[in-house]
């Protein structure tokens, strides 16, 4: 990995409004009125599935497994044809219309995380792919110390779908803005090796530009063996993410 990529944002101050809120060049696309009911029911079922299988297991849960769980638990209920159609629309729609230009990382909605290829990171509730991702995190902790933690690792299609829909909800139905923060499920690098790190005890602040103010971040940017996926002004159209470690 090239250290220069990790430092590519350095021409601008992390204290500036430019970093905190990049200008959106694409017109906002909103959740349509005819989608709102099915959107809410899909999100509710995903939430119930996560509560059923547990937070950690949900991170690597496949779509087929999610369908089976929903069908077998009466409190959740099987996904309806309209709900499945909406999920497929979210997965297969080209996000260029939202101003996202990143590469597709998953071709199939039914893609599966091979449990033999991942390892659960103790105390985090997250998994990493064995090999380069696991080795990178271990080296980061060794070089910086235990104040740096894993905040998000492997994400299955179902996990990324849930995060993406939650962000749309949080943005009051603005899909364009949501996509710049949490990309659609077919386009997340978390499905192929990337992971997020943060400062221990910082909670949700780790997922803001404020993380770039921390000592942990400044130590990270001195490490020659890692780089940052989404630098300021990145070509994918994603917000500045100083916490996102690029692996692939």
Protein backbone atom coordinates (compact mmCIF):
# COMPACT_ATOMS: atom_id res chain seq x y z
CA UNK A 1 0.00 0.00 0.00
CA UNK A 2 1.15 3.52 -0.74
CA UNK A 3 1.52 5.90 2.18
CA UNK A 4 0.98 8.84 -0.17
CA UNK A 5 -2.62 7.72 -0.70
CA UNK A 6 -3.22 7.89 3.04
CA UNK A 7 -1.87 11.42 3.14
CA UNK A 8 -3.63 12.61 -0.01
CA UNK A 9 -6.06 14.79 1.88
CA UNK A 10 -3.35 16.73 3.71
CA UNK A 11 -3.54 19.77 1.45
CA UNK A 12 -6.68 20.87 3.29
CA UNK A 13 -7.16 21.43 7.00
CA UNK A 14 -9.35 18.88 8.77
CA UNK A 15 -10.73 21.81 10.73
CA UNK A 16 -12.24 23.43 7.66
CA UNK A 17 -15.86 23.23 6.63
CA UNK A 18 -14.73 21.76 3.33
CA UNK A 19 -13.74 18.53 5.03
CA UNK A 20 -16.78 18.44 7.26
CA UNK A 21 -19.26 18.83 4.44
CA UNK A 22 -18.16 18.14 0.87
CA UNK A 23 -20.23 19.85 -1.79
CA UNK A 24 -22.75 17.53 -3.44
CA UNK A 25 -22.72 18.01 -7.19
CA UNK A 26 -25.53 15.59 -8.01
CA UNK A 27 -29.20 16.50 -7.52
CA UNK A 28 -30.78 14.85 -4.52
CA UNK A 29 -32.81 11.71 -5.18
CA UNK A 30 -35.34 10.89 -2.50
CA UNK A 31 -37.21 7.79 -1.43
CA UNK A 32 -40.46 7.81 -3.38
CA UNK A 33 -43.81 7.90 -1.61
CA UNK A 34 -44.74 4.53 -3.10
CA UNK A 35 -41.56 3.01 -1.61
CA UNK A 36 -41.90 4.26 1.96
CA UNK A 37 -44.12 1.51 3.34
CA UNK A 38 -42.03 -1.34 1.94
CA UNK A 39 -38.84 0.49 2.97
CA UNK A 40 -40.03 0.59 6.57
CA UNK A 41 -41.12 -3.06 6.65
CA UNK A 42 -37.82 -4.27 5.14
CA UNK A 43 -35.83 -2.24 7.67
CA UNK A 44 -37.97 -3.55 10.53
CA UNK A 45 -37.44 -7.16 9.46
CA UNK A 46 -33.69 -6.68 9.11
CA UNK A 47 -33.60 -5.22 12.62
CA UNK A 48 -35.54 -8.19 13.97
CA UNK A 49 -33.23 -10.63 12.19
CA UNK A 50 -30.20 -8.93 13.75
CA UNK A 51 -31.75 -9.20 17.21
CA UNK A 52 -32.46 -12.88 16.56
CA UNK A 53 -28.98 -13.91 15.38
CA UNK A 54 -26.96 -11.38 17.40
CA UNK A 55 -24.85 -8.38 16.40
CA UNK A 56 -21.66 -10.27 15.54
CA UNK A 57 -23.36 -13.03 13.54
CA UNK A 58 -25.38 -10.45 11.61
CA UNK A 59 -22.13 -9.03 10.22
CA UNK A 60 -21.56 -12.17 8.13
CA UNK A 61 -25.14 -13.34 7.60
CA UNK A 62 -26.01 -14.21 3.99
CA UNK A 63 -29.17 -13.12 2.20
CA UNK A 64 -30.48 -16.68 1.90
CA UNK A 65 -29.90 -17.22 5.63
CA UNK A 66 -31.77 -14.01 6.39
CA UNK A 67 -34.72 -15.15 4.28
CA UNK A 68 -34.80 -18.50 6.05
CA UNK A 69 -34.71 -16.92 9.51
CA UNK A 70 -37.48 -14.47 8.64
CA UNK A 71 -39.67 -17.28 7.34
CA UNK A 72 -39.05 -19.56 10.33
CA UNK A 73 -39.74 -16.94 13.01
CA UNK A 74 -43.38 -15.89 13.14
CA UNK A 75 -42.50 -12.66 14.96
CA UNK A 76 -40.57 -11.61 11.84
CA UNK A 77 -42.45 -13.22 8.97
CA UNK A 78 -41.32 -14.11 5.46
CA UNK A 79 -40.31 -11.30 3.12
CA UNK A 80 -43.14 -10.45 0.74
CA UNK A 81 -42.70 -10.27 -3.06
CA UNK A 82 -42.81 -6.46 -2.89
CA UNK A 83 -40.14 -6.41 -0.16
CA UNK A 84 -37.89 -8.73 -2.16
CA UNK A 85 -38.39 -6.60 -5.26
CA UNK A 86 -37.37 -3.49 -3.33
CA UNK A 87 -34.24 -5.20 -1.95
CA UNK A 88 -33.28 -6.26 -5.48
CA UNK A 89 -33.81 -2.70 -6.71
CA UNK A 90 -31.48 -1.36 -4.01
CA UNK A 91 -28.84 -3.97 -4.80
CA UNK A 92 -28.87 -3.74 -8.60
CA UNK A 93 -29.47 -0.01 -9.19
CA UNK A 94 -26.37 1.72 -10.56
CA UNK A 95 -25.45 4.28 -7.85
CA UNK A 96 -23.92 6.66 -10.39
CA UNK A 97 -27.32 8.37 -10.32
CA UNK A 98 -26.57 9.27 -6.69
CA UNK A 99 -23.08 10.56 -7.46
CA UNK A 100 -21.22 7.41 -6.41
CA UNK A 101 -18.53 6.19 -8.83
CA UNK A 102 -16.91 3.35 -6.91
CA UNK A 103 -16.41 -0.18 -8.20
CA UNK A 104 -18.86 -3.00 -7.62
CA UNK A 105 -17.40 -5.42 -5.07
CA UNK A 106 -20.18 -8.03 -5.00
CA UNK A 107 -21.94 -9.35 -8.10
CA UNK A 108 -24.73 -11.38 -6.49
CA UNK A 109 -27.28 -10.54 -3.83
CA UNK A 110 -26.85 -14.10 -2.56
CA UNK A 111 -23.07 -13.80 -2.12
CA UNK A 112 -21.83 -15.67 0.97
CA UNK A 113 -19.05 -14.87 3.45
CA UNK A 114 -17.04 -18.06 3.87
CA UNK A 115 -16.68 -18.51 7.63
CA UNK A 116 -13.45 -20.43 7.07
CA UNK A 117 -11.91 -17.27 5.62
CA UNK A 118 -12.74 -14.92 8.50
CA UNK A 119 -11.74 -14.58 12.14
CA UNK A 120 -13.71 -12.96 14.96
CA UNK A 121 -11.76 -10.17 16.65
CA UNK A 122 -12.09 -10.56 20.40
CA UNK A 123 -14.02 -7.84 22.18
CA UNK A 124 -15.12 -6.07 19.01
CA UNK A 125 -18.18 -7.94 17.77
CA UNK A 126 -16.61 -7.86 14.31
CA UNK A 127 -14.83 -10.20 11.92
CA UNK A 128 -11.85 -9.69 9.63
CA UNK A 129 -10.67 -11.70 6.67
CA UNK A 130 -7.74 -13.90 7.55
CA UNK A 131 -4.45 -12.94 5.95
CA UNK A 132 -3.78 -9.33 4.96
CA UNK A 133 -6.67 -7.70 6.85
CA UNK A 134 -6.03 -9.54 10.11
CA UNK A 135 -2.28 -8.98 9.86
CA UNK A 136 -2.75 -5.26 9.17
CA UNK A 137 -4.93 -4.76 12.25
CA UNK A 138 -2.52 -6.69 14.47
CA UNK A 139 0.37 -4.60 13.21
CA UNK A 140 -1.57 -1.35 13.72
CA UNK A 141 -2.36 -2.24 17.34
CA UNK A 142 1.25 -3.25 17.93
CA UNK A 143 2.62 -0.01 16.47
CA UNK A 144 0.09 2.42 17.94
CA UNK A 145 -1.20 0.71 21.05
CA UNK A 146 -4.47 -0.59 22.42
CA UNK A 147 -6.15 2.82 22.24
CA UNK A 148 -6.84 2.08 18.56
CA UNK A 149 -9.66 -0.41 18.02
CA UNK A 150 -11.54 -2.16 15.25
CA UNK A 151 -14.90 -0.45 14.75
CA UNK A 152 -16.16 -2.32 11.67
CA UNK A 153 -14.84 -5.29 9.75
CA UNK A 154 -16.34 -7.80 7.33
CA UNK A 155 -19.83 -6.87 6.18
CA UNK A 156 -22.06 -9.28 4.33
CA UNK A 157 -24.55 -8.06 1.73
CA UNK A 158 -27.27 -8.17 4.39
CA UNK A 159 -25.22 -6.13 6.87
CA UNK A 160 -24.38 -3.46 4.29
CA UNK A 161 -27.98 -3.40 3.09
CA UNK A 162 -29.15 -2.74 6.64
CA UNK A 163 -26.58 0.03 7.20
CA UNK A 164 -27.45 1.65 3.87
CA UNK A 165 -31.19 1.64 4.59
CA UNK A 166 -30.64 2.95 8.12
CA UNK A 167 -28.66 5.85 6.67
CA UNK A 168 -31.45 6.63 4.20
CA UNK A 169 -33.85 6.70 7.16
CA UNK A 170 -31.51 8.96 9.14
CA UNK A 171 -31.25 11.31 6.15
CA UNK A 172 -35.06 11.55 5.98
CA UNK A 173 -35.22 9.58 2.74
CA UNK A 174 -32.41 11.37 0.90
CA UNK A 175 -30.74 8.50 -0.98
CA UNK A 176 -28.09 10.72 -2.56
CA UNK A 177 -26.74 11.97 0.76
CA UNK A 178 -27.01 8.53 2.36
CA UNK A 179 -25.04 6.90 -0.46
CA UNK A 180 -22.10 9.26 0.09
CA UNK A 181 -21.79 7.94 3.66
CA UNK A 182 -22.89 4.31 3.53
CA UNK A 183 -22.74 2.89 0.03
CA UNK A 184 -25.25 0.40 -1.42
CA UNK A 185 -24.67 -3.29 -0.58
CA UNK A 186 -23.02 -4.23 -3.88
CA UNK A 187 -20.31 -1.58 -3.53
CA UNK A 188 -18.81 -1.86 -0.05
CA UNK A 189 -15.10 -2.66 0.25
CA UNK A 190 -15.91 -4.16 3.65
CA UNK A 191 -17.12 -7.20 1.71
CA UNK A 192 -13.62 -7.82 0.34
CA UNK A 193 -11.15 -6.78 3.05
CA UNK A 194 -11.30 -3.13 4.14
CA UNK A 195 -12.01 -2.27 7.77
CA UNK A 196 -12.55 0.72 10.05
CA UNK A 197 -10.56 1.71 13.11
CA UNK A 198 -11.18 4.23 15.85
CA UNK A 199 -10.15 5.60 19.21
CA UNK A 200 -11.17 3.50 22.19
CA UNK A 201 -14.04 5.10 24.08
CA UNK A 202 -14.96 7.54 21.31
CA UNK A 203 -18.10 5.76 20.14
CA UNK A 204 -19.91 7.33 17.19
CA UNK A 205 -17.34 10.13 16.94
CA UNK A 206 -15.01 7.61 15.34
CA UNK A 207 -17.21 7.81 12.23
CA UNK A 208 -16.84 11.56 11.80
CA UNK A 209 -14.08 13.82 10.48
CA UNK A 210 -13.32 14.53 14.15
CA UNK A 211 -11.35 11.28 14.19
CA UNK A 212 -8.71 13.08 12.11
CA UNK A 213 -8.01 15.26 15.17
CA UNK A 214 -6.97 12.32 17.33
CA UNK A 215 -3.49 11.19 18.23
CA UNK A 216 -4.43 7.74 16.94
CA UNK A 217 -5.08 9.11 13.47
CA UNK A 218 -1.82 11.04 13.37
CA UNK A 219 0.04 7.89 14.33
CA UNK A 220 -1.85 5.96 11.64
CA UNK A 221 -0.79 8.37 8.92
CA UNK A 222 2.86 7.71 9.74
CA UNK A 223 2.52 4.00 9.00
CA UNK A 224 3.91 3.17 5.56
CA UNK A 225 2.03 -0.13 5.22
CA UNK A 226 -1.55 1.22 5.21
CA UNK A 227 -3.52 3.76 3.23
CA UNK A 228 -6.93 5.43 3.42
CA UNK A 229 -9.75 4.45 1.07
CA UNK A 230 -11.77 7.65 1.00
CA UNK A 231 -9.51 10.69 1.04
CA UNK A 232 -10.76 14.24 0.72
CA UNK A 233 -12.12 14.72 -2.80
CA UNK A 234 -11.85 11.02 -3.67
CA UNK A 235 -13.02 9.91 -7.10
CA UNK A 236 -15.68 7.56 -5.74
CA UNK A 237 -17.77 10.47 -4.48
CA UNK A 238 -17.77 9.26 -0.88
CA UNK A 239 -17.36 11.58 2.10
CA UNK A 240 -13.96 11.99 3.75
CA UNK A 241 -13.40 8.91 5.95
CA UNK A 242 -10.15 9.12 7.94
CA UNK A 243 -11.06 5.91 9.80
CA UNK A 244 -11.39 3.65 6.74
CA UNK A 245 -8.33 1.45 6.13
CA UNK A 246 -7.82 0.38 2.53
CA UNK A 247 -6.79 -3.23 1.98
CA UNK A 248 -7.84 -4.28 -1.54
